[in-house]
């Protein structure tokens, strides 16, 4: 059972904020996403890039996985983001406003070029494709297969609804199909899907409901905009003690009885088949990735 690292939370932090460059990981997110795109004014993008590069050279972020949201390569900033940050130590990047597989391939080729120039093992740098428009949603199945560097895909509801001319609602009916397509594409590709942010910090119950919706749709985690959201997300995305214990019993029983070609086993007096075993394996995988069990 392959264990992917946990990406329950991916917390946004502006790359032009010196304090956040030093402290963001201390709040306990699985991942920090230093933002060079929407969070940074045009006039500050070069300075923010340089600031992030210096932080990457000297900071020890521990077990926190560090991403940067780089500007699209078709802008005047995107390629410079990559050329500056990869030599400084960046190994994970979210490509903002990904709409086609060709954009991923272009980034892949640029990364290969930079890795070779700097003596970095080719393929070390990973990509998260950011799906933020209707065009991107329609192309997401091709996007996730565009490069072996892709480790995850994220959905951004704000730009998506803006493009549609729709209003973002707490019920989420206007983004349901898009979220479904993103999570399905990730499942097919064997990568993580990271759901959109929730911006109403005061509505904790609404936030909890959306997190549960994210998990039920198959997302591995959720982007967040404030440290106060981290524990709430982790509580939902981390299996309970009872779920883990039950799933471990199922996985252990399945290992002892080979039913890979069909059939059922009995666990705790109940019939268990391959789909149930697969769900139990996923719970164990999530628990291990979250560090709850070894």
Protein backbone atom coordinates (compact mmCIF):
# COMPACT_ATOMS: atom_id res chain seq x y z
CA UNK A 1 0.00 0.00 0.00
CA UNK A 2 1.79 3.15 -1.22
CA UNK A 3 1.70 5.98 1.31
CA UNK A 4 1.49 9.48 -0.10
CA UNK A 5 2.26 12.34 2.21
CA UNK A 6 -0.68 14.12 3.79
CA UNK A 7 -1.97 17.25 2.05
CA UNK A 8 -5.04 17.93 4.17
CA UNK A 9 -4.24 21.64 4.41
CA UNK A 10 -2.47 23.98 2.01
CA UNK A 11 -2.29 27.38 3.66
CA UNK A 12 -1.88 30.48 1.51
CA UNK A 13 0.80 32.95 2.61
CA UNK A 14 1.72 36.09 0.63
CA UNK A 15 5.30 35.81 -0.61
CA UNK A 16 5.84 39.51 0.01
CA UNK A 17 5.18 39.16 3.75
CA UNK A 18 8.54 38.62 5.53
CA UNK A 19 6.88 37.48 8.76
CA UNK A 20 4.83 34.76 7.01
CA UNK A 21 7.91 33.50 5.17
CA UNK A 22 9.38 32.72 8.58
CA UNK A 23 6.33 31.67 10.61
CA UNK A 24 3.69 30.17 8.26
CA UNK A 25 4.78 26.57 8.83
CA UNK A 26 4.63 26.98 12.62
CA UNK A 27 0.81 27.00 12.51
CA UNK A 28 0.89 23.30 11.61
CA UNK A 29 -0.44 23.05 8.03
CA UNK A 30 0.59 20.03 5.99
CA UNK A 31 1.62 22.42 3.21
CA UNK A 32 2.33 26.13 2.90
CA UNK A 33 1.62 27.83 -0.42
CA UNK A 34 3.65 31.02 -0.80
CA UNK A 35 1.68 33.13 -3.26
CA UNK A 36 3.38 35.18 -5.97
CA UNK A 37 0.23 35.67 -8.03
CA UNK A 38 -3.01 37.24 -6.75
CA UNK A 39 -1.61 38.21 -3.34
CA UNK A 40 1.16 40.36 -4.83
CA UNK A 41 0.77 43.62 -6.74
CA UNK A 42 2.44 43.90 -10.14
CA UNK A 43 4.82 46.52 -8.79
CA UNK A 44 5.95 44.17 -6.00
CA UNK A 45 6.26 40.86 -7.85
CA UNK A 46 10.01 41.03 -8.53
CA UNK A 47 10.75 41.97 -4.91
CA UNK A 48 8.44 39.24 -3.58
CA UNK A 49 10.17 36.63 -5.75
CA UNK A 50 13.59 37.66 -4.46
CA UNK A 51 12.33 37.69 -0.87
CA UNK A 52 10.95 34.17 -1.21
CA UNK A 53 14.18 32.96 -2.84
CA UNK A 54 16.23 34.21 0.11
CA UNK A 55 13.85 32.56 2.58
CA UNK A 56 14.08 29.23 0.76
CA UNK A 57 17.87 29.35 1.01
CA UNK A 58 18.00 29.81 4.77
CA UNK A 59 14.76 28.52 6.30
CA UNK A 60 14.20 25.04 7.70
CA UNK A 61 10.50 24.33 7.27
CA UNK A 62 10.73 20.90 8.87
CA UNK A 63 8.11 18.40 7.68
CA UNK A 64 5.92 21.08 6.13
CA UNK A 65 5.72 20.71 2.37
CA UNK A 66 6.48 24.04 0.71
CA UNK A 67 4.78 25.15 -2.51
CA UNK A 68 4.84 28.45 -4.35
CA UNK A 69 2.02 29.67 -6.55
CA UNK A 70 3.93 30.99 -9.53
CA UNK A 71 2.55 33.35 -12.12
CA UNK A 72 1.42 31.86 -15.46
CA UNK A 73 4.30 31.46 -17.90
CA UNK A 74 2.54 33.65 -20.45
CA UNK A 75 2.94 36.63 -18.10
CA UNK A 76 6.14 38.63 -17.78
CA UNK A 77 6.75 37.12 -14.34
CA UNK A 78 6.16 33.37 -14.68
CA UNK A 79 9.44 32.20 -16.20
CA UNK A 80 11.48 34.42 -13.88
CA UNK A 81 9.64 32.89 -10.92
CA UNK A 82 10.84 29.44 -11.98
CA UNK A 83 14.36 30.49 -12.95
CA UNK A 84 14.91 32.23 -9.61
CA UNK A 85 13.13 29.90 -7.18
CA UNK A 86 14.25 26.47 -8.35
CA UNK A 87 17.99 27.19 -7.80
CA UNK A 88 17.01 28.66 -4.41
CA UNK A 89 15.46 25.35 -3.38
CA UNK A 90 11.82 25.36 -4.48
CA UNK A 91 10.69 21.88 -5.50
CA UNK A 92 6.89 22.25 -5.60
CA UNK A 93 4.94 24.84 -7.55
CA UNK A 94 1.29 25.55 -8.23
CA UNK A 95 0.89 26.84 -11.78
CA UNK A 96 -1.76 29.55 -11.57
CA UNK A 97 -4.55 29.60 -14.16
CA UNK A 98 -3.65 26.32 -15.83
CA UNK A 99 -6.01 25.80 -18.77
CA UNK A 100 -4.30 23.36 -21.15
CA UNK A 101 -1.95 20.40 -21.12
CA UNK A 102 0.41 22.43 -23.31
CA UNK A 103 0.98 24.88 -20.45
CA UNK A 104 2.03 22.01 -18.20
CA UNK A 105 4.35 20.64 -20.86
CA UNK A 106 5.93 24.08 -21.29
CA UNK A 107 6.60 24.27 -17.54
CA UNK A 108 7.94 20.71 -17.56
CA UNK A 109 10.44 21.59 -20.31
CA UNK A 110 11.51 24.78 -18.51
CA UNK A 111 12.05 22.85 -15.28
CA UNK A 112 14.16 20.24 -17.06
CA UNK A 113 16.30 22.98 -18.55
CA UNK A 114 16.80 24.69 -15.17
CA UNK A 115 17.49 21.42 -13.35
CA UNK A 116 20.21 20.52 -15.84
CA UNK A 117 21.77 24.00 -15.65
CA UNK A 118 21.95 23.83 -11.85
CA UNK A 119 22.99 20.22 -11.33
CA UNK A 120 19.59 19.23 -9.92
CA UNK A 121 18.32 15.74 -10.63
CA UNK A 122 15.89 15.94 -13.55
CA UNK A 123 12.32 15.41 -12.35
CA UNK A 124 12.96 16.67 -8.81
CA UNK A 125 10.61 19.63 -9.23
CA UNK A 126 6.91 18.84 -8.99
CA UNK A 127 3.84 20.62 -10.33
CA UNK A 128 0.37 21.30 -8.99
CA UNK A 129 -2.01 22.35 -11.75
CA UNK A 130 -4.43 25.06 -10.64
CA UNK A 131 -7.87 24.65 -12.24
CA UNK A 132 -9.63 28.01 -12.07
CA UNK A 133 -11.69 28.49 -15.26
CA UNK A 134 -14.42 26.64 -17.18
CA UNK A 135 -11.91 25.92 -19.95
CA UNK A 136 -9.55 24.37 -17.40
CA UNK A 137 -12.32 22.20 -15.98
CA UNK A 138 -13.16 20.87 -19.44
CA UNK A 139 -9.47 20.09 -20.05
CA UNK A 140 -8.61 18.75 -16.60
CA UNK A 141 -8.36 15.09 -17.66
CA UNK A 142 -5.70 15.98 -20.24
CA UNK A 143 -3.96 18.38 -17.85
CA UNK A 144 -3.36 15.82 -15.09
CA UNK A 145 -1.78 13.43 -17.60
CA UNK A 146 0.45 16.05 -19.23
CA UNK A 147 3.57 15.42 -17.11
CA UNK A 148 4.90 12.89 -14.60
CA UNK A 149 5.85 15.91 -12.48
CA UNK A 150 2.20 16.53 -11.54
CA UNK A 151 1.60 15.44 -7.96
CA UNK A 152 -1.66 17.26 -7.34
CA UNK A 153 -4.35 19.44 -8.84
CA UNK A 154 -6.21 22.28 -7.14
CA UNK A 155 -9.58 23.88 -7.75
CA UNK A 156 -10.16 27.62 -7.43
CA UNK A 157 -13.81 28.57 -7.15
CA UNK A 158 -13.43 32.35 -7.10
CA UNK A 159 -12.02 32.73 -10.61
CA UNK A 160 -14.20 29.88 -11.86
CA UNK A 161 -17.44 31.56 -10.78
CA UNK A 162 -16.18 34.94 -11.99
CA UNK A 163 -15.62 33.51 -15.46
CA UNK A 164 -19.10 31.98 -15.47
CA UNK A 165 -20.72 35.14 -14.21
CA UNK A 166 -22.08 33.08 -11.31
CA UNK A 167 -22.36 33.97 -7.63
CA UNK A 168 -20.43 31.87 -5.14
CA UNK A 169 -22.89 30.41 -2.65
CA UNK A 170 -22.41 28.49 0.56
CA UNK A 171 -24.44 25.61 -0.84
CA UNK A 172 -21.92 25.28 -3.70
CA UNK A 173 -24.36 24.14 -6.37
CA UNK A 174 -22.66 26.39 -8.94
CA UNK A 175 -19.29 24.63 -8.44
CA UNK A 176 -20.48 21.07 -7.80
CA UNK A 177 -19.84 19.74 -11.30
CA UNK A 178 -16.44 21.40 -11.55
CA UNK A 179 -15.32 20.02 -8.19
CA UNK A 180 -16.52 16.58 -9.23
CA UNK A 181 -14.53 16.69 -12.45
CA UNK A 182 -11.36 17.86 -10.73
CA UNK A 183 -11.54 15.16 -8.06
CA UNK A 184 -12.36 12.45 -10.63
CA UNK A 185 -9.42 13.48 -12.82
CA UNK A 186 -7.11 13.33 -9.81
CA UNK A 187 -8.41 9.90 -8.86
CA UNK A 188 -7.82 8.57 -12.37
CA UNK A 189 -4.30 10.03 -12.44
CA UNK A 190 -3.48 8.75 -8.96
CA UNK A 191 -2.71 12.22 -7.58
CA UNK A 192 -4.14 14.47 -4.88
CA UNK A 193 -6.96 16.95 -5.44
CA UNK A 194 -6.95 20.08 -3.26
CA UNK A 195 -10.27 21.89 -2.89
CA UNK A 196 -10.95 25.62 -3.02
CA UNK A 197 -10.71 28.10 -0.15
CA UNK A 198 -13.54 29.14 2.18
CA UNK A 199 -13.35 32.88 2.73
CA UNK A 200 -16.00 33.46 5.43
CA UNK A 201 -13.95 33.00 8.59
CA UNK A 202 -16.93 33.77 10.82
CA UNK A 203 -19.09 30.93 9.46
CA UNK A 204 -17.44 27.94 11.11
CA UNK A 205 -20.40 25.59 10.67
CA UNK A 206 -20.65 26.41 6.98
CA UNK A 207 -16.92 25.78 6.70
CA UNK A 208 -17.20 22.38 8.41
CA UNK A 209 -20.01 21.39 6.05
CA UNK A 210 -17.95 22.33 3.02
CA UNK A 211 -14.94 20.39 4.31
CA UNK A 212 -17.12 17.30 4.67
CA UNK A 213 -18.38 17.88 1.15
CA UNK A 214 -14.80 18.14 -0.09
CA UNK A 215 -13.86 14.85 1.54
CA UNK A 216 -16.96 13.08 0.24
CA UNK A 217 -16.17 14.27 -3.28
CA UNK A 218 -12.74 12.66 -3.04
CA UNK A 219 -10.51 15.65 -2.33
CA UNK A 220 -7.34 14.95 -0.36
CA UNK A 221 -7.39 18.34 1.31
CA UNK A 222 -8.36 21.96 1.18
CA UNK A 223 -6.62 25.26 0.53
CA UNK A 224 -7.03 27.71 3.40
CA UNK A 225 -6.44 31.39 3.99
CA UNK A 226 -6.06 31.63 7.78
CA UNK A 227 -4.30 29.59 10.49
CA UNK A 228 -7.58 29.25 12.40
CA UNK A 229 -8.90 27.01 9.62
CA UNK A 230 -6.14 24.42 9.89
CA UNK A 231 -7.35 22.42 12.89
CA UNK A 232 -10.93 22.42 11.59
CA UNK A 233 -9.81 20.89 8.30
CA UNK A 234 -7.52 18.37 9.99
CA UNK A 235 -10.30 17.21 12.31
CA UNK A 236 -12.50 16.33 9.33
CA UNK A 237 -9.83 14.87 7.06
CA UNK A 238 -8.18 12.72 9.74
CA UNK A 239 -9.95 9.38 10.32
CA UNK A 240 -11.33 8.79 13.81
CA UNK A 241 -9.83 6.21 16.17
CA UNK A 242 -12.85 3.94 15.61
CA UNK A 243 -12.55 4.21 11.81
CA UNK A 244 -8.85 3.41 11.95
CA UNK A 245 -9.25 0.40 14.25
CA UNK A 246 -12.05 -1.04 12.12
CA UNK A 247 -10.12 -0.46 8.90
CA UNK A 248 -6.98 -2.06 10.31
CA UNK A 249 -8.95 -5.19 11.18
CA UNK A 250 -10.35 -5.33 7.64
CA UNK A 251 -6.94 -4.78 6.02
CA UNK A 252 -5.32 -7.42 8.23
CA UNK A 253 -8.08 -9.96 7.49
CA UNK A 254 -7.85 -9.23 3.77
CA UNK A 255 -4.09 -9.79 3.83
CA UNK A 256 -4.59 -13.17 5.46
CA UNK A 257 -7.18 -14.27 2.88
CA UNK A 258 -6.41 -13.57 -0.78
CA UNK A 259 -9.63 -12.43 -2.47
CA UNK A 260 -7.97 -10.28 -5.10
CA UNK A 261 -9.93 -12.13 -7.79
CA UNK A 262 -13.23 -11.89 -6.01
CA UNK A 263 -15.07 -13.33 -3.05
CA UNK A 264 -15.79 -12.10 0.46
CA UNK A 265 -14.42 -12.41 3.99
CA UNK A 266 -16.05 -11.97 7.39
CA UNK A 267 -14.84 -9.24 9.76
CA UNK A 268 -16.62 -8.48 13.05
CA UNK A 269 -19.48 -10.70 11.92
CA UNK A 270 -20.05 -8.75 8.71
CA UNK A 271 -19.42 -9.72 5.09
CA UNK A 272 -16.60 -7.70 3.51
CA UNK A 273 -15.83 -7.58 -0.20
CA UNK A 274 -13.16 -5.89 -2.36
CA UNK A 275 -14.80 -2.39 -2.47
CA UNK A 276 -15.04 -2.35 1.34
CA UNK A 277 -11.42 -3.48 1.62
CA UNK A 278 -10.36 -0.69 -0.75
CA UNK A 279 -12.12 1.88 1.44
CA UNK A 280 -10.45 0.45 4.54
CA UNK A 281 -7.07 0.65 2.84
CA UNK A 282 -7.73 4.31 2.04
CA UNK A 283 -8.54 5.06 5.69
CA UNK A 284 -5.31 3.38 6.80
CA UNK A 285 -3.39 5.28 4.13
CA UNK A 286 -4.86 8.60 5.32
CA UNK A 287 -4.08 7.78 8.95
CA UNK A 288 -0.47 6.93 8.11
CA UNK A 289 -0.03 10.01 5.94
CA UNK A 290 -1.38 12.16 8.80
CA UNK A 291 1.03 10.51 11.23
CA UNK A 292 -1.75 9.08 13.42
CA UNK A 293 -0.39 5.54 13.00
CA UNK A 294 2.91 4.17 11.72
